[in-house]
Structures are given as C-alpha cells and as structure tokens.
N, C-alpha and C. Protein backbone atom coordinates (compact mmCIF):
# COMPACT_ATOMS: atom_id res chain seq x y z
N MET A 1 -328.64 29.35 -105.28
CA MET A 1 -327.42 28.98 -106.02
C MET A 1 -326.62 28.26 -105.31
N ARG A 2 -326.11 27.26 -106.12
CA ARG A 2 -324.98 26.27 -105.56
C ARG A 2 -323.86 26.39 -106.53
N ASN A 3 -322.85 26.96 -106.04
CA ASN A 3 -321.65 27.16 -106.97
C ASN A 3 -320.76 25.69 -106.82
N LEU A 4 -320.44 25.30 -107.89
CA LEU A 4 -319.51 23.86 -107.87
C LEU A 4 -318.19 24.19 -108.55
N SER A 5 -317.64 25.08 -108.23
CA SER A 5 -316.30 25.47 -108.59
C SER A 5 -315.32 24.66 -107.54
N PRO A 6 -314.16 24.00 -108.18
CA PRO A 6 -313.35 23.14 -107.17
C PRO A 6 -313.00 24.01 -106.07
N HIS A 7 -313.05 23.43 -104.93
CA HIS A 7 -312.50 23.94 -103.75
C HIS A 7 -313.36 25.33 -103.26
N GLN A 8 -314.44 25.68 -103.98
CA GLN A 8 -315.06 26.90 -103.73
C GLN A 8 -316.43 26.56 -103.89
N LYS A 9 -317.01 25.39 -103.32
CA LYS A 9 -318.37 25.30 -103.26
C LYS A 9 -319.13 25.81 -102.21
N PHE A 10 -320.32 26.44 -102.53
CA PHE A 10 -321.27 27.02 -101.54
C PHE A 10 -322.70 27.30 -101.89
N TRP A 11 -323.40 27.45 -101.02
CA TRP A 11 -324.74 27.84 -101.29
C TRP A 11 -324.83 29.21 -101.14
N SER A 12 -325.98 29.69 -101.64
CA SER A 12 -326.36 31.06 -101.57
C SER A 12 -327.73 31.41 -101.99
N PHE A 13 -328.23 32.47 -101.49
CA PHE A 13 -329.67 32.72 -101.81
C PHE A 13 -329.62 33.85 -102.24
N GLY A 14 -330.70 34.43 -103.32
CA GLY A 14 -330.57 35.76 -104.05
C GLY A 14 -331.85 36.19 -104.65
N GLN A 15 -331.85 37.22 -105.43
CA GLN A 15 -332.87 37.70 -106.11
C GLN A 15 -332.63 37.93 -107.32
N THR A 16 -333.44 37.63 -108.24
CA THR A 16 -333.19 38.21 -109.78
C THR A 16 -334.30 39.18 -110.25
N ILE A 17 -334.02 40.36 -110.81
CA ILE A 17 -334.88 41.17 -111.32
C ILE A 17 -334.72 41.46 -112.71
N GLN A 18 -335.88 41.09 -113.73
CA GLN A 18 -335.63 41.05 -114.97
C GLN A 18 -336.90 42.03 -115.69
N GLY A 19 -336.79 42.30 -116.82
CA GLY A 19 -337.43 42.75 -117.83
C GLY A 19 -337.35 42.12 -119.14
N GLN A 20 -338.46 41.61 -119.76
CA GLN A 20 -338.51 40.75 -120.99
C GLN A 20 -339.34 41.77 -122.18
N PHE A 21 -338.72 41.65 -123.23
CA PHE A 21 -339.39 42.28 -124.48
C PHE A 21 -339.58 41.50 -125.34
N HIS A 22 -340.76 41.48 -125.74
CA HIS A 22 -341.48 40.11 -126.55
C HIS A 22 -341.65 40.74 -128.02
N PHE A 23 -341.01 40.18 -128.91
CA PHE A 23 -341.18 40.40 -130.45
C PHE A 23 -342.02 39.59 -131.12
N THR A 24 -342.26 38.37 -130.86
CA THR A 24 -343.06 37.54 -131.48
C THR A 24 -343.57 36.58 -130.19
N PRO A 25 -344.87 35.85 -130.60
CA PRO A 25 -345.11 35.15 -129.32
C PRO A 25 -344.38 34.20 -128.52
N LYS A 26 -343.22 33.61 -129.64
CA LYS A 26 -342.41 32.76 -129.12
C LYS A 26 -340.93 33.24 -128.99
N GLU A 27 -340.55 34.34 -129.44
CA GLU A 27 -339.44 35.22 -129.19
C GLU A 27 -339.21 36.21 -128.22
N SER A 28 -338.39 36.43 -127.25
CA SER A 28 -338.18 37.49 -126.38
C SER A 28 -336.94 37.84 -126.14
N MET A 29 -336.56 39.09 -125.77
CA MET A 29 -335.30 39.26 -125.12
C MET A 29 -335.52 39.88 -123.59
N TYR A 30 -334.34 39.28 -122.87
CA TYR A 30 -334.43 39.39 -121.47
C TYR A 30 -333.11 40.30 -121.08
N VAL A 31 -333.56 41.26 -120.21
CA VAL A 31 -332.21 41.87 -119.25
C VAL A 31 -332.51 41.48 -117.94
N TRP A 32 -331.66 40.94 -117.00
CA TRP A 32 -331.67 40.81 -115.66
C TRP A 32 -330.44 41.25 -114.83
N MET A 33 -330.88 41.43 -113.58
CA MET A 33 -329.68 41.67 -112.72
C MET A 33 -330.08 40.84 -111.48
N SER A 34 -328.89 40.11 -111.18
CA SER A 34 -328.95 39.25 -109.89
C SER A 34 -327.91 39.45 -108.85
N TYR A 35 -328.47 39.28 -107.72
CA TYR A 35 -327.59 39.53 -106.71
C TYR A 35 -327.82 38.50 -105.37
N TYR A 36 -326.96 37.93 -104.73
CA TYR A 36 -326.81 36.87 -104.11
C TYR A 36 -326.30 37.16 -102.41
N SER A 37 -326.78 36.46 -101.34
CA SER A 37 -326.00 36.34 -100.03
C SER A 37 -324.46 35.98 -100.14
N PRO A 38 -323.86 36.23 -99.17
CA PRO A 38 -322.70 35.86 -99.28
C PRO A 38 -322.30 34.19 -98.96
N GLY A 39 -321.42 33.63 -100.02
CA GLY A 39 -321.41 32.08 -100.10
C GLY A 39 -320.11 31.79 -99.49
N LYS A 40 -320.04 31.03 -98.41
CA LYS A 40 -318.91 30.43 -97.50
C LYS A 40 -318.26 29.33 -97.96
N PHE A 41 -317.00 29.00 -97.75
CA PHE A 41 -316.29 27.95 -97.85
C PHE A 41 -315.06 27.92 -97.26
N SER A 42 -314.28 26.83 -96.90
CA SER A 42 -313.21 26.69 -96.17
C SER A 42 -312.17 25.76 -96.69
N ASN A 43 -310.68 25.97 -96.75
CA ASN A 43 -309.77 25.06 -97.32
C ASN A 43 -308.59 24.86 -96.35
N HIS A 44 -307.80 23.81 -96.37
CA HIS A 44 -306.77 23.48 -95.45
C HIS A 44 -305.49 23.57 -96.45
N TYR A 45 -304.58 24.41 -96.04
CA TYR A 45 -303.12 24.64 -96.68
C TYR A 45 -301.96 24.57 -95.75
N LEU A 46 -300.94 24.36 -96.43
CA LEU A 46 -299.67 24.29 -95.51
C LEU A 46 -298.73 25.04 -96.09
N ALA A 47 -297.89 26.11 -94.81
CA ALA A 47 -296.91 26.73 -95.02
C ALA A 47 -295.53 26.01 -94.42
N ILE A 48 -294.70 26.22 -95.37
CA ILE A 48 -293.45 25.53 -95.34
C ILE A 48 -292.19 26.31 -94.49
N ALA A 49 -291.70 25.96 -93.50
CA ALA A 49 -290.43 26.74 -92.85
C ALA A 49 -289.63 27.20 -93.91
N LYS A 50 -288.91 28.45 -93.77
CA LYS A 50 -287.66 28.73 -94.72
C LYS A 50 -286.48 28.52 -94.12
N SER A 51 -286.36 28.00 -92.96
CA SER A 51 -285.09 27.70 -92.35
C SER A 51 -285.29 26.55 -91.51
N VAL A 52 -284.25 25.34 -91.52
CA VAL A 52 -284.35 24.26 -91.30
C VAL A 52 -284.54 24.07 -89.60
N GLY A 53 -284.13 25.41 -89.10
CA GLY A 53 -284.15 25.62 -87.75
C GLY A 53 -285.56 25.91 -86.95
N THR A 54 -286.23 26.44 -87.83
CA THR A 54 -287.67 26.84 -87.67
C THR A 54 -288.46 25.55 -87.15
N ASN A 55 -289.31 25.58 -86.15
CA ASN A 55 -290.03 24.48 -85.41
C ASN A 55 -291.52 25.13 -85.45
N PRO A 56 -292.54 24.69 -85.92
CA PRO A 56 -292.48 23.28 -86.69
C PRO A 56 -291.96 23.59 -88.06
N GLN A 57 -291.66 22.53 -88.85
CA GLN A 57 -291.29 22.82 -90.33
C GLN A 57 -292.41 22.97 -91.21
N GLN A 58 -293.70 22.63 -90.74
CA GLN A 58 -294.72 22.96 -91.81
C GLN A 58 -295.91 23.36 -90.49
N GLN A 59 -296.73 24.20 -91.16
CA GLN A 59 -297.63 24.78 -90.37
C GLN A 59 -299.13 24.71 -91.14
N ASP A 60 -299.71 23.93 -90.73
CA ASP A 60 -301.29 23.61 -91.11
C ASP A 60 -302.06 25.08 -90.89
N PHE A 61 -302.73 25.56 -91.67
CA PHE A 61 -303.56 26.68 -91.51
C PHE A 61 -304.90 26.32 -92.52
N ILE A 62 -306.16 27.29 -92.21
CA ILE A 62 -307.43 27.23 -92.82
C ILE A 62 -307.42 28.49 -93.28
N VAL A 63 -307.95 28.46 -94.75
CA VAL A 63 -308.35 29.74 -95.23
C VAL A 63 -310.13 29.73 -95.24
N HIS A 64 -310.61 30.67 -94.77
CA HIS A 64 -311.98 30.84 -94.71
C HIS A 64 -312.52 31.92 -95.81
N GLY A 65 -313.14 31.28 -97.01
CA GLY A 65 -313.47 32.20 -98.11
C GLY A 65 -314.86 32.77 -98.21
N THR A 66 -315.24 33.90 -98.79
CA THR A 66 -316.32 34.20 -98.77
C THR A 66 -316.67 35.01 -100.23
N TRP A 67 -317.68 34.70 -100.91
CA TRP A 67 -317.97 35.42 -102.41
C TRP A 67 -319.10 36.10 -101.99
N ARG A 68 -319.43 37.15 -102.71
CA ARG A 68 -320.80 38.16 -102.76
C ARG A 68 -320.99 38.10 -104.11
N PRO A 69 -321.60 37.35 -104.83
CA PRO A 69 -321.77 37.09 -106.44
C PRO A 69 -322.72 38.21 -106.84
N ARG A 70 -322.78 39.01 -107.88
CA ARG A 70 -323.74 39.78 -108.56
C ARG A 70 -323.64 39.80 -110.22
N GLN A 71 -324.63 39.64 -110.89
CA GLN A 71 -324.58 39.46 -112.33
C GLN A 71 -325.30 40.20 -113.22
N ILE A 72 -325.10 40.60 -114.16
CA ILE A 72 -325.99 41.17 -115.04
C ILE A 72 -326.05 40.43 -116.43
N SER A 73 -327.07 40.20 -117.01
CA SER A 73 -327.11 39.45 -118.25
C SER A 73 -328.02 40.09 -119.34
N VAL A 74 -327.95 39.89 -120.54
CA VAL A 74 -328.80 40.12 -121.66
C VAL A 74 -328.62 38.93 -122.67
N GLY A 75 -329.99 38.41 -123.02
CA GLY A 75 -330.04 37.53 -123.85
C GLY A 75 -331.41 37.39 -124.48
N TRP A 76 -331.44 35.94 -124.91
CA TRP A 76 -332.87 35.45 -125.77
C TRP A 76 -333.53 34.53 -124.99
N LYS A 77 -334.89 34.68 -125.23
CA LYS A 77 -335.78 33.81 -124.45
C LYS A 77 -336.78 33.05 -125.66
N HIS A 78 -336.78 31.73 -125.66
CA HIS A 78 -337.43 31.07 -126.89
C HIS A 78 -338.25 30.13 -126.07
N TYR A 79 -339.72 30.30 -126.73
CA TYR A 79 -340.61 29.56 -125.89
C TYR A 79 -340.76 28.16 -126.59
N LEU A 80 -340.41 26.84 -126.29
CA LEU A 80 -340.42 25.76 -126.77
C LEU A 80 -341.80 25.02 -126.91
N LYS A 81 -342.64 25.61 -125.87
CA LYS A 81 -344.08 25.20 -125.95
C LYS A 81 -344.90 26.50 -125.45
N GLY A 82 -345.93 26.82 -126.06
CA GLY A 82 -346.60 27.95 -125.67
C GLY A 82 -346.23 29.07 -126.00
N ALA A 83 -346.51 30.14 -125.38
CA ALA A 83 -346.03 31.52 -125.81
C ALA A 83 -346.05 32.44 -124.78
N PHE A 84 -345.53 33.70 -124.86
CA PHE A 84 -345.36 34.70 -123.68
C PHE A 84 -346.59 35.03 -123.31
N ASP A 85 -347.87 35.25 -124.12
CA ASP A 85 -349.10 35.59 -123.53
C ASP A 85 -350.02 34.51 -123.61
N GLN A 86 -349.99 33.24 -123.56
CA GLN A 86 -350.77 32.26 -123.53
C GLN A 86 -351.51 32.46 -122.31
N GLU A 87 -352.87 32.28 -122.43
CA GLU A 87 -354.02 32.55 -121.43
C GLU A 87 -354.49 31.50 -120.56
N SER A 88 -353.69 30.02 -120.63
CA SER A 88 -354.12 28.87 -119.99
C SER A 88 -352.94 28.13 -120.12
N GLY A 89 -353.02 26.94 -119.02
CA GLY A 89 -352.00 25.95 -119.44
C GLY A 89 -350.76 26.18 -118.89
N TRP A 90 -349.52 25.66 -119.65
CA TRP A 90 -348.41 25.83 -119.08
C TRP A 90 -347.39 26.06 -120.21
N ASN A 91 -346.20 27.00 -120.19
CA ASN A 91 -345.28 26.91 -121.07
C ASN A 91 -343.84 26.54 -120.84
N LEU A 92 -342.97 25.95 -121.62
CA LEU A 92 -341.59 25.56 -121.61
C LEU A 92 -340.64 26.59 -122.43
N TYR A 93 -339.67 26.98 -121.73
CA TYR A 93 -338.86 27.84 -122.42
C TYR A 93 -337.32 27.62 -122.24
N GLY A 94 -336.32 28.18 -123.19
CA GLY A 94 -334.99 28.20 -123.07
C GLY A 94 -334.38 29.56 -123.12
N THR A 95 -333.30 29.74 -122.35
CA THR A 95 -332.61 30.92 -122.58
C THR A 95 -331.14 30.86 -122.75
N ALA A 96 -330.56 31.95 -123.65
CA ALA A 96 -329.34 31.88 -123.87
C ALA A 96 -328.89 33.49 -123.95
N GLY A 97 -327.81 33.77 -123.25
CA GLY A 97 -327.15 35.16 -123.26
C GLY A 97 -325.91 35.20 -122.89
N PHE A 98 -325.45 36.71 -122.83
CA PHE A 98 -324.10 36.95 -122.31
C PHE A 98 -324.45 37.79 -120.96
N GLY A 99 -323.18 37.55 -120.01
CA GLY A 99 -323.42 38.55 -118.82
C GLY A 99 -322.16 38.85 -118.37
N LEU A 100 -322.28 39.61 -117.38
CA LEU A 100 -321.06 40.04 -116.59
C LEU A 100 -321.24 39.81 -115.16
N MET A 101 -320.25 38.97 -114.45
CA MET A 101 -320.35 38.53 -113.21
C MET A 101 -319.31 39.29 -112.56
N VAL A 102 -319.66 40.16 -111.33
CA VAL A 102 -318.85 40.65 -110.47
C VAL A 102 -318.92 39.92 -109.23
N SER A 103 -317.99 39.71 -108.32
CA SER A 103 -318.05 39.17 -107.23
C SER A 103 -316.95 39.85 -106.22
N LYS A 104 -317.45 40.10 -104.95
CA LYS A 104 -316.55 40.63 -103.81
C LYS A 104 -315.97 39.21 -103.28
N VAL A 105 -314.91 39.24 -103.00
CA VAL A 105 -314.13 38.07 -102.39
C VAL A 105 -313.33 38.37 -101.26
N GLU A 106 -313.28 37.43 -100.44
CA GLU A 106 -312.75 37.99 -99.03
C GLU A 106 -312.04 36.59 -98.48
N ASN A 107 -310.87 36.58 -98.04
CA ASN A 107 -310.04 35.24 -97.59
C ASN A 107 -309.70 35.79 -96.17
N GLU A 108 -309.90 34.89 -95.15
CA GLU A 108 -309.41 35.15 -93.72
C GLU A 108 -308.65 33.80 -93.36
N PHE A 109 -307.50 34.01 -93.09
CA PHE A 109 -306.59 32.95 -92.22
C PHE A 109 -307.23 32.69 -91.02
N ASN A 110 -307.20 31.69 -90.49
CA ASN A 110 -307.51 31.23 -89.37
C ASN A 110 -306.17 31.60 -88.14
N ILE A 111 -304.89 31.84 -88.61
CA ILE A 111 -303.69 32.16 -87.91
C ILE A 111 -303.17 33.33 -88.57
N LYS A 112 -302.56 34.34 -87.86
CA LYS A 112 -301.99 35.42 -88.68
C LYS A 112 -300.61 35.11 -89.49
N PRO A 113 -300.71 35.35 -90.80
CA PRO A 113 -299.52 34.90 -91.71
C PRO A 113 -298.02 35.32 -91.10
N ASP A 114 -297.40 34.38 -90.96
CA ASP A 114 -295.87 34.71 -90.51
C ASP A 114 -294.96 34.55 -91.82
N THR A 115 -294.98 35.67 -92.48
CA THR A 115 -294.21 35.28 -93.66
C THR A 115 -292.61 35.71 -93.38
N ALA A 116 -292.25 36.07 -92.23
CA ALA A 116 -290.79 36.20 -91.96
C ALA A 116 -289.96 34.56 -91.77
N ASN A 117 -291.08 33.80 -91.26
CA ASN A 117 -290.32 32.25 -91.29
C ASN A 117 -291.04 31.20 -92.18
N TYR A 118 -291.98 31.67 -92.78
CA TYR A 118 -292.68 30.32 -93.35
C TYR A 118 -292.94 31.08 -94.89
N ILE A 119 -292.94 29.86 -95.96
CA ILE A 119 -293.34 30.20 -97.19
C ILE A 119 -294.55 29.70 -97.46
N TYR A 120 -295.57 30.60 -97.94
CA TYR A 120 -297.19 30.51 -97.94
C TYR A 120 -297.47 30.07 -99.26
N PRO A 121 -298.42 29.46 -99.67
CA PRO A 121 -298.94 29.26 -101.34
C PRO A 121 -299.21 30.43 -101.83
N ALA A 122 -298.87 30.60 -103.16
CA ALA A 122 -299.00 31.88 -104.01
C ALA A 122 -300.55 32.32 -103.57
N TYR A 123 -301.49 31.48 -103.69
CA TYR A 123 -302.90 31.62 -103.71
C TYR A 123 -303.33 30.60 -102.97
N PRO A 124 -304.48 31.13 -101.97
CA PRO A 124 -305.13 32.15 -102.11
C PRO A 124 -304.39 33.14 -101.06
N VAL A 125 -304.62 34.29 -101.27
CA VAL A 125 -303.81 35.48 -100.27
C VAL A 125 -305.02 35.92 -99.39
N ASN A 126 -304.45 36.50 -98.10
CA ASN A 126 -305.41 37.00 -97.28
C ASN A 126 -305.83 38.25 -97.29
N GLY A 127 -306.85 38.87 -97.28
CA GLY A 127 -307.49 40.07 -97.56
C GLY A 127 -308.82 39.95 -98.32
N ASN A 128 -309.04 41.13 -98.95
CA ASN A 128 -310.32 40.92 -99.71
C ASN A 128 -310.24 42.02 -101.11
N ASN A 129 -310.93 41.68 -101.83
CA ASN A 129 -310.96 42.34 -103.34
C ASN A 129 -312.10 41.99 -104.23
N SER A 130 -312.22 42.16 -105.24
CA SER A 130 -312.89 41.59 -106.37
C SER A 130 -312.63 41.23 -107.63
N PHE A 131 -313.55 40.29 -108.31
CA PHE A 131 -313.06 39.91 -109.57
C PHE A 131 -314.19 39.76 -110.55
N ARG A 132 -313.86 40.09 -112.00
CA ARG A 132 -315.02 39.93 -112.83
C ARG A 132 -314.85 38.74 -114.02
N ARG A 133 -316.04 38.27 -114.46
CA ARG A 133 -316.01 37.34 -115.42
C ARG A 133 -317.00 37.61 -116.42
N LEU A 134 -316.82 37.61 -117.70
CA LEU A 134 -317.86 37.55 -118.84
C LEU A 134 -318.30 36.22 -118.67
N THR A 135 -319.84 36.05 -118.75
CA THR A 135 -320.30 34.78 -118.86
C THR A 135 -321.18 34.38 -120.02
N PHE A 136 -321.23 32.96 -120.22
CA PHE A 136 -322.20 32.77 -121.50
C PHE A 136 -323.31 32.03 -120.47
N ASP A 137 -324.69 32.42 -120.56
CA ASP A 137 -325.68 32.18 -119.64
C ASP A 137 -326.74 30.99 -120.47
N LEU A 138 -326.95 29.92 -119.79
CA LEU A 138 -327.92 29.34 -120.24
C LEU A 138 -329.00 28.82 -119.36
N GLY A 139 -330.04 28.48 -119.98
CA GLY A 139 -331.33 28.20 -118.95
C GLY A 139 -332.48 27.59 -119.42
N LEU A 140 -333.22 26.71 -118.69
CA LEU A 140 -334.47 26.00 -119.12
C LEU A 140 -335.40 26.43 -118.09
N GLY A 141 -336.60 26.84 -118.56
CA GLY A 141 -337.53 26.91 -117.55
C GLY A 141 -339.07 26.73 -117.93
N PHE A 142 -339.86 26.61 -116.79
CA PHE A 142 -341.29 26.54 -116.95
C PHE A 142 -342.21 27.47 -116.32
N GLU A 143 -343.31 27.65 -117.10
CA GLU A 143 -344.28 28.78 -116.83
C GLU A 143 -345.57 28.29 -116.47
N TYR A 144 -346.48 28.39 -115.41
CA TYR A 144 -347.75 28.07 -115.27
C TYR A 144 -348.78 29.28 -115.38
N VAL A 145 -349.50 29.36 -116.08
CA VAL A 145 -350.51 30.59 -115.98
C VAL A 145 -351.33 30.45 -115.09
N LEU A 146 -351.31 31.59 -114.28
CA LEU A 146 -352.08 31.87 -113.06
C LEU A 146 -353.36 32.75 -113.24
N GLY A 147 -353.64 33.38 -114.48
CA GLY A 147 -354.65 34.06 -114.95
C GLY A 147 -354.39 35.53 -115.13
N SER A 148 -355.09 36.32 -115.77
CA SER A 148 -355.08 37.62 -115.90
C SER A 148 -353.40 38.24 -115.94
N ASP A 149 -352.97 37.43 -117.10
CA ASP A 149 -351.34 38.05 -117.25
C ASP A 149 -350.68 37.80 -115.88
N ILE A 150 -350.61 37.06 -115.20
CA ILE A 150 -349.90 36.52 -114.13
C ILE A 150 -349.19 35.11 -114.21
N TYR A 151 -347.98 34.90 -114.47
CA TYR A 151 -347.35 33.81 -114.60
C TYR A 151 -346.57 33.29 -113.41
N LEU A 152 -346.41 32.00 -113.07
CA LEU A 152 -345.79 31.57 -111.85
C LEU A 152 -344.66 30.66 -112.93
N TYR A 153 -343.41 30.84 -112.58
CA TYR A 153 -342.44 30.44 -113.20
C TYR A 153 -341.47 29.88 -112.46
N SER A 154 -340.68 28.76 -112.97
CA SER A 154 -339.31 28.23 -112.16
C SER A 154 -338.57 28.02 -113.34
N ASP A 155 -337.17 27.88 -113.00
CA ASP A 155 -336.04 27.83 -114.20
C ASP A 155 -334.80 27.58 -113.28
N VAL A 156 -334.03 26.82 -114.19
CA VAL A 156 -332.64 26.25 -113.66
C VAL A 156 -331.84 26.91 -114.95
N ARG A 157 -330.68 27.61 -114.26
CA ARG A 157 -329.73 28.09 -115.08
C ARG A 157 -328.39 28.21 -114.64
N THR A 158 -327.33 28.43 -115.59
CA THR A 158 -326.24 28.26 -115.09
C THR A 158 -325.38 29.50 -115.78
N TRP A 159 -324.25 29.80 -115.33
CA TRP A 159 -323.01 30.75 -116.01
C TRP A 159 -321.93 30.02 -116.25
N VAL A 160 -321.53 29.99 -117.49
CA VAL A 160 -320.15 29.46 -117.67
C VAL A 160 -319.10 30.66 -118.28
N SER A 161 -317.99 30.60 -117.77
CA SER A 161 -316.99 31.58 -117.99
C SER A 161 -316.58 31.82 -119.35
N ALA A 162 -316.91 33.03 -120.01
CA ALA A 162 -316.74 33.18 -121.52
C ALA A 162 -315.58 34.26 -121.60
N SER A 163 -314.56 34.24 -120.74
CA SER A 163 -313.43 35.09 -120.73
C SER A 163 -312.17 34.14 -120.24
N ASP A 164 -311.16 34.66 -120.73
CA ASP A 164 -309.86 34.07 -120.19
C ASP A 164 -309.17 35.16 -119.42
N ALA A 165 -309.98 35.63 -118.31
CA ALA A 165 -309.41 36.75 -117.42
C ALA A 165 -308.53 36.00 -116.51
N PRO A 166 -307.30 36.93 -116.42
CA PRO A 166 -306.54 36.45 -115.42
C PRO A 166 -306.89 35.62 -114.20
N ALA A 167 -306.45 34.70 -113.58
CA ALA A 167 -306.80 34.12 -112.16
C ALA A 167 -306.66 34.95 -111.11
N SER A 168 -307.40 35.16 -110.34
CA SER A 168 -307.34 36.09 -109.08
C SER A 168 -306.41 35.29 -108.10
N VAL A 169 -305.50 36.10 -107.36
CA VAL A 169 -304.94 35.31 -106.30
C VAL A 169 -305.63 35.11 -105.11
N TYR A 170 -306.72 35.68 -104.95
CA TYR A 170 -308.02 35.33 -104.23
C TYR A 170 -308.71 34.02 -104.20
N PHE A 171 -308.36 33.23 -105.26
CA PHE A 171 -309.31 31.95 -105.89
C PHE A 171 -308.60 31.03 -104.81
N HIS A 172 -309.28 30.02 -104.47
CA HIS A 172 -308.71 28.81 -103.80
C HIS A 172 -308.30 27.77 -104.88
N ASP A 173 -309.10 27.90 -106.01
CA ASP A 173 -308.76 27.16 -107.00
C ASP A 173 -308.95 27.87 -108.44
N THR A 174 -308.07 27.84 -109.36
CA THR A 174 -308.33 28.64 -110.64
C THR A 174 -309.32 27.75 -111.73
N ARG A 175 -309.63 26.86 -111.42
CA ARG A 175 -310.52 25.83 -112.34
C ARG A 175 -311.89 26.30 -112.26
N ASN A 176 -312.62 26.52 -113.44
CA ASN A 176 -314.12 26.53 -113.38
C ASN A 176 -314.58 27.69 -112.70
N VAL A 177 -314.27 28.80 -112.56
CA VAL A 177 -314.82 29.86 -111.98
C VAL A 177 -315.53 30.88 -112.97
N PRO A 178 -316.87 31.24 -112.88
CA PRO A 178 -317.84 30.47 -111.83
C PRO A 178 -318.23 29.08 -112.56
N MET A 179 -319.11 28.25 -111.64
CA MET A 179 -319.93 27.07 -112.18
C MET A 179 -321.01 27.01 -111.40
N PRO A 180 -321.81 28.10 -111.31
CA PRO A 180 -323.01 27.64 -110.48
C PRO A 180 -324.18 26.97 -111.15
N VAL A 181 -325.10 26.23 -110.29
CA VAL A 181 -326.51 25.78 -110.87
C VAL A 181 -327.41 26.85 -110.10
N ILE A 182 -328.15 27.64 -110.62
CA ILE A 182 -329.29 28.45 -109.95
C ILE A 182 -330.62 27.76 -110.39
N VAL A 183 -331.37 27.58 -109.23
CA VAL A 183 -332.72 27.37 -109.36
C VAL A 183 -333.65 28.73 -108.86
N SER A 184 -334.53 28.97 -109.77
CA SER A 184 -335.35 30.35 -109.58
C SER A 184 -336.93 29.77 -109.50
N VAL A 185 -337.49 30.69 -108.52
CA VAL A 185 -339.09 30.62 -108.64
C VAL A 185 -339.68 31.97 -108.59
N GLY A 186 -340.60 32.30 -109.21
CA GLY A 186 -341.24 33.74 -109.08
C GLY A 186 -342.21 34.10 -109.92
N ILE A 187 -342.62 35.38 -110.13
CA ILE A 187 -343.79 35.73 -110.87
C ILE A 187 -343.48 36.47 -111.82
N ARG A 188 -344.23 36.22 -112.98
CA ARG A 188 -343.92 37.27 -114.04
C ARG A 188 -345.44 37.86 -114.43
N LEU A 189 -345.05 39.18 -114.35
CA LEU A 189 -346.37 40.04 -114.80
C LEU A 189 -346.19 40.64 -116.20
N LEU A 190 -347.38 40.46 -117.04
CA LEU A 190 -347.17 40.73 -118.54
C LEU A 190 -348.01 42.12 -118.29
N PHE A 191 -347.31 43.23 -118.90
CA PHE A 191 -347.82 44.56 -119.11
C PHE A 191 -347.68 44.86 -120.60
N GLY A 192 -348.73 45.53 -121.05
CA GLY A 192 -348.74 46.14 -122.31
C GLY A 192 -348.75 45.18 -123.47
N SER A 193 -349.08 44.25 -123.74
CA SER A 193 -348.78 43.29 -124.81
C SER A 193 -349.76 43.82 -125.91
N GLY A 194 -348.70 44.17 -127.13
CA GLY A 194 -349.41 44.75 -128.17
C GLY A 194 -349.37 43.72 -129.52
N ILE A 195 -348.73 42.59 -129.25
CA ILE A 195 -348.32 41.78 -130.41
C ILE A 195 -349.61 41.22 -130.91
N GLU A 196 -350.15 41.26 -132.28
CA GLU A 196 -351.30 40.90 -132.74
C GLU A 196 -351.13 39.40 -133.71
C-alpha cells in the first residue's frame, strides 16, 4: 500500500483475506478483510511564543506520525474477460464495493510540548487514538489459471472516502483521507463450484 494523503504519505505491507460467492460465470460478490503494517511519516511545524519576552519566539518541532490501517469491504466483482471458473488462459476483472477503514493513529513530538509558553497548531496533537472512514472501493485485476481450480491473481485498488466524518485532530492534513493505492498479488482457490 502507498498512501497518498497530503503530508501523510507512507508505504505499508499487508494481507487481504477474502471470500467470493459466484452467482454467474461473470458476476460474483466478495467480502474481504485487510490489515497492514504501521505506515510512518514526519512533518515540521512551528510553535509561536505566547509572550514577547519568551526566547526563542518560534520553536520548530517535528511530529512523527504512524497509521496502522485495517479495512473490511463488501462488493461486486465483474469479469470483463473470462469467468471465475475458466480452465485455461487469463481473466480480467473489475471490483466495486463499500468498506469501513479503521486506523490506529499515533503522533509523537520530537520535543515535549511546552503549552505554558507556546501556542501549538490545532492539529496534529500529541498522543494516540483511532479514526474510522466509510470507503468506496474500486479495483482492476488480472488472473492467470494455474490449473486444477488454482488461480494466480494481481490487482490494483483504492479506497475513496465515502463519508463526511469529522476530521481527527490527529491528522497532519485533513484532505483526502484515506487515499491509498494498493497492489496485491495472491492465489485464489476455487471450492464447490456448482454453476452449470
């Protein structure tokens, strides 16, 4: 995963576990759960002195941020080429669905905040919490038949915020949260295909 949210860009590795329910050779429903390693990023900020007698008048500090994203999604998978049970060759498919992203978030200041003498930006705040976002999930993927109901797949997908949830004071920037590009590679095993 590469998150592209402004001032919150990070790389993260993860795993997706999914089940697919096939209604026709080209139409399927999916349910998946994804979880990722902590993504880390840092930004510089300025704290301004409350009094003209305070020296220095500005204090530069760094906020080290960490996100631990997880997501569940339910949606539709449509085969643009091929079918879920194709026995040779390759398939091309698209996915669309809705999900819930939950992320633990932590901010650590490189200096201890001196709130008695300095005014700090309203966000991000020091500490840890979590945030949630409803997401609209889009993807495009490719499958190659390895044989005997085993498929190698690779897809590219993204989550777009589908809710106007209040911005968290732990965000470094409130725009486009989340904004990931996810590249997945895996194996799909076909069980109990009964479609005729």
